[in-house]
N, C-alpha and C. Protein backbone atom coordinates (compact mmCIF):
# COMPACT_ATOMS: atom_id res chain seq x y z
N MET A 1 30.57 56.20 66.47
CA MET A 1 31.54 55.41 65.76
C MET A 1 30.86 54.30 64.95
N LYS A 2 29.84 53.66 65.55
CA LYS A 2 29.11 52.60 64.85
C LYS A 2 28.41 53.17 63.62
N ASN A 3 27.89 54.37 63.72
CA ASN A 3 27.21 55.01 62.58
C ASN A 3 28.20 55.28 61.45
N LEU A 4 29.40 55.70 61.78
CA LEU A 4 30.41 55.97 60.77
C LEU A 4 30.79 54.69 60.04
N ILE A 5 30.96 53.58 60.77
CA ILE A 5 31.29 52.30 60.15
C ILE A 5 30.13 51.82 59.27
N LEU A 6 28.92 51.98 59.74
CA LEU A 6 27.74 51.59 58.96
C LEU A 6 27.66 52.40 57.67
N VAL A 7 27.90 53.69 57.75
CA VAL A 7 27.87 54.55 56.56
C VAL A 7 28.96 54.13 55.59
N LEU A 8 30.16 53.83 56.06
CA LEU A 8 31.24 53.39 55.19
C LEU A 8 30.92 52.06 54.50
N VAL A 9 30.32 51.13 55.23
CA VAL A 9 29.94 49.84 54.64
C VAL A 9 28.90 50.05 53.55
N VAL A 10 27.92 50.89 53.80
CA VAL A 10 26.87 51.15 52.81
C VAL A 10 27.46 51.81 51.57
N ILE A 11 28.32 52.79 51.75
CA ILE A 11 28.94 53.48 50.62
C ILE A 11 29.80 52.51 49.82
N THR A 12 30.58 51.69 50.48
CA THR A 12 31.44 50.71 49.81
C THR A 12 30.61 49.71 49.01
N THR A 13 29.52 49.24 49.57
CA THR A 13 28.66 48.28 48.89
C THR A 13 28.06 48.89 47.63
N PHE A 14 27.53 50.10 47.71
CA PHE A 14 26.92 50.73 46.55
C PHE A 14 27.95 51.08 45.49
N SER A 15 29.11 51.57 45.90
CA SER A 15 30.12 51.96 44.92
C SER A 15 30.68 50.75 44.19
N SER A 16 30.87 49.62 44.89
CA SER A 16 31.37 48.42 44.21
C SER A 16 30.36 47.86 43.23
N SER A 17 29.07 47.94 43.56
CA SER A 17 28.06 47.45 42.61
C SER A 17 27.98 48.37 41.39
N LEU A 18 28.18 49.67 41.59
CA LEU A 18 28.18 50.58 40.45
C LEU A 18 29.39 50.35 39.56
N ILE A 19 30.55 50.11 40.18
CA ILE A 19 31.75 49.84 39.40
C ILE A 19 31.61 48.53 38.64
N ALA A 20 31.07 47.50 39.28
CA ALA A 20 30.88 46.20 38.62
C ALA A 20 29.92 46.34 37.45
N GLN A 21 28.87 47.09 37.63
CA GLN A 21 27.92 47.29 36.54
C GLN A 21 28.58 48.04 35.41
N THR A 22 29.39 49.03 35.73
CA THR A 22 30.07 49.79 34.71
C THR A 22 31.05 48.90 33.94
N LYS A 23 31.79 48.03 34.62
CA LYS A 23 32.71 47.11 33.94
C LYS A 23 31.95 46.18 33.01
N LYS A 24 30.81 45.68 33.47
CA LYS A 24 29.99 44.80 32.63
C LYS A 24 29.49 45.55 31.41
N GLU A 25 29.02 46.75 31.60
CA GLU A 25 28.54 47.56 30.48
C GLU A 25 29.66 47.85 29.50
N LEU A 26 30.85 48.17 30.02
CA LEU A 26 31.99 48.43 29.14
C LEU A 26 32.36 47.19 28.32
N LYS A 27 32.33 46.04 28.96
CA LYS A 27 32.64 44.79 28.26
C LYS A 27 31.61 44.54 27.16
N GLU A 28 30.34 44.73 27.46
CA GLU A 28 29.29 44.55 26.46
C GLU A 28 29.44 45.55 25.31
N GLN A 29 29.78 46.79 25.65
CA GLN A 29 29.95 47.83 24.63
C GLN A 29 31.13 47.48 23.71
N LYS A 30 32.23 47.00 24.29
CA LYS A 30 33.38 46.61 23.48
C LYS A 30 33.02 45.44 22.55
N ALA A 31 32.24 44.48 23.06
CA ALA A 31 31.82 43.34 22.24
C ALA A 31 30.96 43.81 21.07
N ILE A 32 30.06 44.76 21.33
CA ILE A 32 29.21 45.30 20.27
C ILE A 32 30.05 46.03 19.23
N GLU A 33 30.99 46.84 19.69
CA GLU A 33 31.85 47.57 18.76
C GLU A 33 32.68 46.62 17.91
N TYR A 34 33.23 45.57 18.51
CA TYR A 34 34.03 44.61 17.76
C TYR A 34 33.17 43.86 16.75
N TYR A 35 31.97 43.49 17.15
CA TYR A 35 31.05 42.81 16.24
C TYR A 35 30.73 43.71 15.04
N GLU A 36 30.53 45.00 15.29
CA GLU A 36 30.24 45.93 14.20
C GLU A 36 31.45 46.04 13.25
N LYS A 37 32.66 46.01 13.80
CA LYS A 37 33.86 46.04 12.95
C LYS A 37 33.95 44.79 12.09
N ILE A 38 33.64 43.65 12.69
CA ILE A 38 33.66 42.39 11.93
C ILE A 38 32.61 42.42 10.83
N LYS A 39 31.42 42.96 11.13
CA LYS A 39 30.37 43.08 10.11
C LYS A 39 30.85 43.93 8.95
N ALA A 40 31.47 45.07 9.25
CA ALA A 40 31.98 45.95 8.20
C ALA A 40 33.06 45.24 7.38
N LEU A 41 33.90 44.49 8.05
CA LEU A 41 34.96 43.74 7.36
C LEU A 41 34.36 42.73 6.39
N VAL A 42 33.37 41.98 6.84
CA VAL A 42 32.73 40.98 5.99
C VAL A 42 31.99 41.66 4.83
N ASN A 43 31.34 42.78 5.10
CA ASN A 43 30.64 43.51 4.04
C ASN A 43 31.61 44.07 3.00
N SER A 44 32.83 44.36 3.40
CA SER A 44 33.82 44.90 2.45
C SER A 44 34.28 43.83 1.46
N LYS A 45 34.10 42.56 1.83
CA LYS A 45 34.55 41.43 1.03
C LYS A 45 36.05 41.48 0.77
N VAL A 46 36.80 41.98 1.76
CA VAL A 46 38.25 41.98 1.71
C VAL A 46 38.74 41.58 3.09
N PHE A 47 38.89 40.26 3.28
CA PHE A 47 39.33 39.75 4.58
C PHE A 47 40.04 38.42 4.41
N VAL A 48 40.72 38.01 5.46
CA VAL A 48 41.44 36.74 5.43
C VAL A 48 41.12 35.96 6.69
N PHE A 49 41.02 34.66 6.52
CA PHE A 49 40.86 33.73 7.64
C PHE A 49 42.19 33.03 7.82
N ASP A 50 42.74 33.08 9.03
CA ASP A 50 43.98 32.37 9.35
C ASP A 50 43.65 31.23 10.30
N ALA A 51 43.94 30.01 9.87
CA ALA A 51 43.61 28.83 10.65
C ALA A 51 44.68 28.53 11.70
N VAL A 52 44.22 28.06 12.85
CA VAL A 52 45.10 27.63 13.93
C VAL A 52 44.93 26.13 14.18
N TRP A 53 43.71 25.64 14.02
CA TRP A 53 43.39 24.23 14.28
C TRP A 53 42.64 23.64 13.09
N ILE A 54 42.78 22.34 12.92
CA ILE A 54 41.98 21.59 11.96
C ILE A 54 41.36 20.42 12.70
N SER A 55 40.09 20.16 12.44
CA SER A 55 39.38 19.02 13.03
C SER A 55 38.86 18.15 11.90
N THR A 56 39.15 16.87 11.96
CA THR A 56 38.70 15.95 10.92
C THR A 56 37.40 15.27 11.34
N THR A 57 36.80 14.56 10.42
CA THR A 57 35.56 13.85 10.72
C THR A 57 35.78 12.70 11.68
N ARG A 58 37.00 12.26 11.83
CA ARG A 58 37.31 11.17 12.76
C ARG A 58 37.64 11.67 14.16
N GLY A 59 37.44 12.96 14.39
CA GLY A 59 37.64 13.50 15.73
C GLY A 59 39.05 13.95 16.06
N ARG A 60 39.92 13.92 15.09
CA ARG A 60 41.28 14.41 15.33
C ARG A 60 41.30 15.93 15.29
N ARG A 61 42.03 16.52 16.21
CA ARG A 61 42.19 17.98 16.26
C ARG A 61 43.69 18.26 16.25
N ILE A 62 44.16 18.97 15.21
CA ILE A 62 45.59 19.16 14.99
C ILE A 62 45.89 20.65 14.94
N ASN A 63 46.93 21.05 15.66
CA ASN A 63 47.36 22.44 15.65
C ASN A 63 48.16 22.68 14.38
N ILE A 64 47.72 23.64 13.58
CA ILE A 64 48.40 23.98 12.32
C ILE A 64 48.85 25.44 12.31
N ALA A 65 49.01 26.02 13.49
CA ALA A 65 49.37 27.44 13.60
C ALA A 65 50.75 27.73 13.04
N SER A 66 51.64 26.75 13.02
CA SER A 66 53.00 27.02 12.57
C SER A 66 53.11 27.17 11.05
N GLY A 67 52.12 26.73 10.32
CA GLY A 67 52.16 26.82 8.87
C GLY A 67 51.39 28.03 8.35
N SER A 68 51.38 28.16 7.06
CA SER A 68 50.61 29.22 6.42
C SER A 68 49.31 28.61 5.91
N ASN A 69 48.26 28.72 6.69
CA ASN A 69 46.96 28.14 6.37
C ASN A 69 45.93 29.26 6.38
N SER A 70 45.54 29.69 5.19
CA SER A 70 44.62 30.82 5.14
C SER A 70 43.67 30.73 3.96
N ILE A 71 42.57 31.44 4.12
CA ILE A 71 41.61 31.62 3.04
C ILE A 71 41.37 33.12 2.92
N ALA A 72 41.63 33.66 1.77
CA ALA A 72 41.44 35.09 1.54
C ALA A 72 40.21 35.30 0.66
N VAL A 73 39.46 36.32 0.99
CA VAL A 73 38.32 36.74 0.17
C VAL A 73 38.61 38.17 -0.27
N VAL A 74 38.65 38.36 -1.59
CA VAL A 74 38.88 39.70 -2.14
C VAL A 74 37.85 39.92 -3.24
N GLN A 75 36.83 40.69 -2.87
CA GLN A 75 35.72 41.01 -3.75
C GLN A 75 35.03 39.73 -4.24
N ASP A 76 35.18 39.38 -5.52
CA ASP A 76 34.50 38.21 -6.07
C ASP A 76 35.39 36.98 -6.17
N SER A 77 36.61 37.08 -5.67
CA SER A 77 37.55 35.96 -5.76
C SER A 77 37.92 35.46 -4.37
N THR A 78 38.42 34.24 -4.35
CA THR A 78 38.89 33.65 -3.10
C THR A 78 40.11 32.79 -3.39
N LYS A 79 40.99 32.76 -2.41
CA LYS A 79 42.23 31.99 -2.56
C LYS A 79 42.49 31.26 -1.25
N ALA A 80 42.81 29.98 -1.34
CA ALA A 80 43.08 29.18 -0.14
C ALA A 80 44.32 28.34 -0.34
N ALA A 81 45.05 28.19 0.74
CA ALA A 81 46.17 27.25 0.82
C ALA A 81 46.13 26.70 2.23
N MET A 82 45.50 25.53 2.38
CA MET A 82 45.25 24.95 3.69
C MET A 82 45.75 23.51 3.71
N GLN A 83 46.28 23.11 4.85
CA GLN A 83 46.65 21.71 5.03
C GLN A 83 45.38 20.88 5.13
N PHE A 84 45.51 19.61 4.77
CA PHE A 84 44.38 18.70 4.85
C PHE A 84 44.83 17.40 5.51
N PHE A 85 44.14 17.02 6.57
CA PHE A 85 44.37 15.74 7.24
C PHE A 85 43.03 15.03 7.27
N GLY A 86 42.83 14.12 6.38
CA GLY A 86 41.55 13.43 6.35
C GLY A 86 41.53 12.39 5.26
N GLU A 87 40.33 12.03 4.87
CA GLU A 87 40.14 10.96 3.91
C GLU A 87 39.77 11.51 2.54
N VAL A 88 40.24 10.82 1.52
CA VAL A 88 39.91 11.15 0.15
C VAL A 88 38.82 10.20 -0.30
N ASN A 89 37.76 10.74 -0.91
CA ASN A 89 36.61 9.93 -1.30
C ASN A 89 36.67 9.44 -2.74
N SER A 90 37.51 10.02 -3.54
CA SER A 90 37.46 9.74 -4.97
C SER A 90 38.78 9.19 -5.48
N ILE A 91 38.68 8.29 -6.43
CA ILE A 91 39.87 7.75 -7.08
C ILE A 91 40.51 8.82 -7.96
N ARG A 92 39.71 9.80 -8.39
CA ARG A 92 40.22 10.85 -9.27
C ARG A 92 41.21 11.78 -8.58
N PHE A 93 41.38 11.65 -7.29
CA PHE A 93 42.26 12.55 -6.56
C PHE A 93 43.62 12.57 -7.25
N SER A 94 44.09 13.76 -7.63
CA SER A 94 45.26 13.83 -8.50
C SER A 94 46.46 14.52 -7.86
N GLY A 95 46.57 14.47 -6.56
CA GLY A 95 47.74 15.11 -5.99
C GLY A 95 47.73 15.04 -4.49
N ASN A 96 48.76 15.59 -3.89
CA ASN A 96 48.85 15.59 -2.45
C ASN A 96 48.60 16.98 -1.88
N GLU A 97 47.98 17.84 -2.67
CA GLU A 97 47.66 19.17 -2.17
C GLU A 97 46.56 19.09 -1.12
N GLY A 98 46.54 20.07 -0.27
CA GLY A 98 45.50 20.13 0.75
C GLY A 98 44.25 20.75 0.15
N VAL A 99 43.70 21.70 0.85
CA VAL A 99 42.58 22.46 0.33
C VAL A 99 43.18 23.68 -0.36
N ALA A 100 43.10 23.70 -1.68
CA ALA A 100 43.75 24.77 -2.43
C ALA A 100 42.85 25.21 -3.58
N PHE A 101 42.65 26.51 -3.66
CA PHE A 101 41.92 27.08 -4.79
C PHE A 101 42.29 28.54 -4.94
N ASN A 102 42.10 29.06 -6.13
CA ASN A 102 42.33 30.46 -6.44
C ASN A 102 41.44 30.78 -7.63
N ASN A 103 40.20 31.21 -7.32
CA ASN A 103 39.23 31.35 -8.39
C ASN A 103 38.11 32.30 -7.97
N ILE A 104 37.16 32.47 -8.85
CA ILE A 104 35.98 33.30 -8.58
C ILE A 104 35.01 32.51 -7.71
N MET A 105 34.36 33.22 -6.76
CA MET A 105 33.38 32.59 -5.88
C MET A 105 32.00 32.61 -6.56
N TYR A 106 31.19 31.63 -6.19
CA TYR A 106 29.80 31.57 -6.65
C TYR A 106 28.90 31.49 -5.43
N ASP A 107 27.72 32.01 -5.56
CA ASP A 107 26.70 31.94 -4.50
C ASP A 107 27.20 32.49 -3.16
N TYR A 108 27.91 33.60 -3.20
CA TYR A 108 28.41 34.23 -1.96
C TYR A 108 27.22 34.77 -1.18
N GLN A 109 27.07 34.32 0.05
CA GLN A 109 25.96 34.76 0.90
C GLN A 109 26.48 35.12 2.28
N VAL A 110 25.89 36.15 2.87
CA VAL A 110 26.22 36.57 4.22
C VAL A 110 24.93 36.69 5.01
N LYS A 111 24.91 36.10 6.20
CA LYS A 111 23.75 36.23 7.08
C LYS A 111 24.24 36.72 8.43
N PHE A 112 23.65 37.82 8.89
CA PHE A 112 24.01 38.40 10.19
C PHE A 112 22.94 38.02 11.21
N ASN A 113 23.36 37.53 12.35
CA ASN A 113 22.46 37.26 13.46
C ASN A 113 22.83 38.25 14.56
N ASP A 114 22.19 39.42 14.53
CA ASP A 114 22.54 40.48 15.47
C ASP A 114 22.16 40.12 16.90
N LYS A 115 21.19 39.25 17.07
CA LYS A 115 20.81 38.86 18.42
C LYS A 115 21.93 38.03 19.08
N LYS A 116 22.43 37.04 18.34
CA LYS A 116 23.52 36.21 18.87
C LYS A 116 24.89 36.79 18.55
N LYS A 117 24.92 37.81 17.73
CA LYS A 117 26.15 38.47 17.31
C LYS A 117 27.11 37.49 16.64
N ASN A 118 26.61 36.80 15.64
CA ASN A 118 27.49 35.98 14.82
C ASN A 118 27.13 36.16 13.35
N ILE A 119 28.06 35.77 12.51
CA ILE A 119 27.94 35.99 11.07
C ILE A 119 28.21 34.67 10.36
N LEU A 120 27.39 34.37 9.38
CA LEU A 120 27.58 33.18 8.56
C LEU A 120 27.89 33.62 7.13
N VAL A 121 29.03 33.20 6.62
CA VAL A 121 29.45 33.49 5.25
C VAL A 121 29.56 32.15 4.54
N SER A 122 28.97 32.05 3.35
CA SER A 122 29.09 30.80 2.60
C SER A 122 29.25 31.12 1.11
N TYR A 123 29.97 30.25 0.43
CA TYR A 123 30.15 30.38 -1.01
C TYR A 123 30.65 29.07 -1.58
N ARG A 124 30.65 29.01 -2.91
CA ARG A 124 31.18 27.85 -3.63
C ARG A 124 32.34 28.33 -4.49
N VAL A 125 33.30 27.43 -4.70
CA VAL A 125 34.45 27.74 -5.55
C VAL A 125 34.97 26.45 -6.15
N LYS A 126 35.60 26.56 -7.31
CA LYS A 126 36.16 25.39 -7.99
C LYS A 126 37.66 25.59 -8.20
N ASN A 127 38.37 24.47 -8.21
CA ASN A 127 39.74 24.50 -8.72
C ASN A 127 39.77 23.53 -9.89
N LYS A 128 40.95 23.16 -10.37
CA LYS A 128 41.01 22.34 -11.58
C LYS A 128 40.39 20.96 -11.42
N SER A 129 40.37 20.40 -10.19
CA SER A 129 39.86 19.04 -10.03
C SER A 129 38.79 18.89 -8.95
N GLU A 130 38.48 19.97 -8.23
CA GLU A 130 37.53 19.84 -7.12
C GLU A 130 36.55 21.01 -7.09
N ASN A 131 35.41 20.72 -6.48
CA ASN A 131 34.42 21.74 -6.16
C ASN A 131 34.36 21.85 -4.65
N TYR A 132 34.38 23.07 -4.13
CA TYR A 132 34.34 23.28 -2.69
C TYR A 132 33.12 24.11 -2.30
N ASN A 133 32.55 23.76 -1.17
CA ASN A 133 31.56 24.60 -0.49
C ASN A 133 32.24 25.06 0.80
N VAL A 134 32.30 26.36 1.00
CA VAL A 134 32.97 26.93 2.16
C VAL A 134 31.91 27.62 3.01
N SER A 135 31.93 27.33 4.29
CA SER A 135 30.99 27.93 5.23
C SER A 135 31.78 28.45 6.43
N MET A 136 31.70 29.77 6.68
CA MET A 136 32.40 30.39 7.80
C MET A 136 31.39 30.88 8.83
N THR A 137 31.60 30.50 10.08
CA THR A 137 30.81 31.04 11.18
C THR A 137 31.75 31.91 12.00
N ILE A 138 31.45 33.21 12.04
CA ILE A 138 32.29 34.17 12.73
C ILE A 138 31.55 34.64 13.98
N THR A 139 32.18 34.48 15.14
CA THR A 139 31.57 34.88 16.39
C THR A 139 31.84 36.35 16.68
N LYS A 140 31.18 36.86 17.71
CA LYS A 140 31.33 38.27 18.06
C LYS A 140 32.75 38.62 18.48
N SER A 141 33.53 37.64 18.91
CA SER A 141 34.91 37.89 19.31
C SER A 141 35.89 37.72 18.16
N GLY A 142 35.39 37.35 16.98
CA GLY A 142 36.26 37.16 15.82
C GLY A 142 36.70 35.72 15.63
N ASN A 143 36.44 34.86 16.61
CA ASN A 143 36.75 33.44 16.42
C ASN A 143 35.93 32.93 15.25
N THR A 144 36.58 32.14 14.41
CA THR A 144 35.93 31.71 13.18
C THR A 144 36.09 30.21 13.00
N TYR A 145 35.01 29.58 12.59
CA TYR A 145 34.98 28.15 12.32
C TYR A 145 34.62 27.99 10.84
N VAL A 146 35.52 27.37 10.09
CA VAL A 146 35.32 27.21 8.65
C VAL A 146 35.15 25.74 8.34
N ASP A 147 34.01 25.42 7.74
CA ASP A 147 33.75 24.06 7.26
C ASP A 147 33.98 24.05 5.76
N VAL A 148 34.82 23.13 5.30
CA VAL A 148 35.12 23.01 3.88
C VAL A 148 34.62 21.64 3.42
N TYR A 149 33.72 21.67 2.44
CA TYR A 149 33.16 20.45 1.87
C TYR A 149 33.68 20.33 0.44
N SER A 150 34.12 19.14 0.08
CA SER A 150 34.68 18.91 -1.24
C SER A 150 33.97 17.73 -1.88
N ASN A 151 33.96 17.70 -3.20
CA ASN A 151 33.42 16.55 -3.90
C ASN A 151 34.42 15.40 -3.97
N VAL A 152 35.65 15.62 -3.52
CA VAL A 152 36.69 14.61 -3.60
C VAL A 152 37.15 14.15 -2.21
N LYS A 153 37.18 15.06 -1.25
CA LYS A 153 37.68 14.76 0.09
C LYS A 153 36.57 14.86 1.11
N ARG A 154 36.78 14.22 2.26
CA ARG A 154 35.85 14.38 3.37
C ARG A 154 35.94 15.80 3.91
N ASN A 155 34.84 16.26 4.48
CA ASN A 155 34.84 17.63 4.99
C ASN A 155 35.73 17.75 6.23
N VAL A 156 36.26 18.95 6.41
CA VAL A 156 37.09 19.26 7.57
C VAL A 156 36.64 20.61 8.12
N THR A 157 36.97 20.85 9.38
CA THR A 157 36.66 22.12 10.03
C THR A 157 37.96 22.76 10.50
N TYR A 158 38.10 24.03 10.20
CA TYR A 158 39.25 24.80 10.63
C TYR A 158 38.79 25.83 11.66
N ASP A 159 39.61 26.07 12.67
CA ASP A 159 39.34 27.10 13.68
C ASP A 159 40.43 28.15 13.57
N GLY A 160 40.03 29.41 13.68
CA GLY A 160 41.01 30.49 13.62
C GLY A 160 40.35 31.83 13.79
N LYS A 161 40.88 32.84 13.12
CA LYS A 161 40.39 34.21 13.24
C LYS A 161 40.32 34.85 11.86
N VAL A 162 39.41 35.80 11.72
CA VAL A 162 39.37 36.62 10.51
C VAL A 162 39.99 37.97 10.83
N SER A 163 40.57 38.59 9.80
CA SER A 163 41.14 39.91 9.96
C SER A 163 41.15 40.60 8.60
N ALA A 164 41.47 41.86 8.61
CA ALA A 164 41.52 42.64 7.39
C ALA A 164 42.81 42.29 6.64
N ILE A 165 42.76 42.41 5.31
CA ILE A 165 43.96 42.25 4.50
C ILE A 165 44.11 43.49 3.63
N LYS A 166 45.32 43.69 3.19
CA LYS A 166 45.60 44.81 2.30
C LYS A 166 45.69 44.29 0.88
N ILE A 167 45.06 44.97 -0.03
CA ILE A 167 45.14 44.59 -1.43
C ILE A 167 46.45 45.13 -1.98
N GLU A 168 47.24 44.23 -2.57
CA GLU A 168 48.56 44.63 -3.09
C GLU A 168 48.46 45.00 -4.54
């Protein structure tokens, strides 16, 4: 009887370690597959960033999920309509718009860090009164942090997700 219990304990121990290893491997495999999908999405240059949070330079973090706050990238153009909570640096500021542009991108660059499984996308864009530098850091899970630098306003950081968009 003692031998039977010992054999059952040994079998249970080995089988649980095999199952745990398999779950870990499956989780890693899913993360790799998702990262590859995100890479393909960024390479297609047809994606949208939807913001959920905004963080200002003064340390304020505001939930903006209820509004329509997005940045779309479609080939060589980009369009943004984002809320802005922060400071204006220039007297030339000519309106109460947030971060808004709809124009051609310049200096579009993508850097893949396959070891850390993150992606850095950066570009410049202009609207009628401002110049923006946009920097997106996309993690392996799709979480995205967007830093927007303006020649008129203080920089802000948006947190959200990237996803595919359909060209209409």
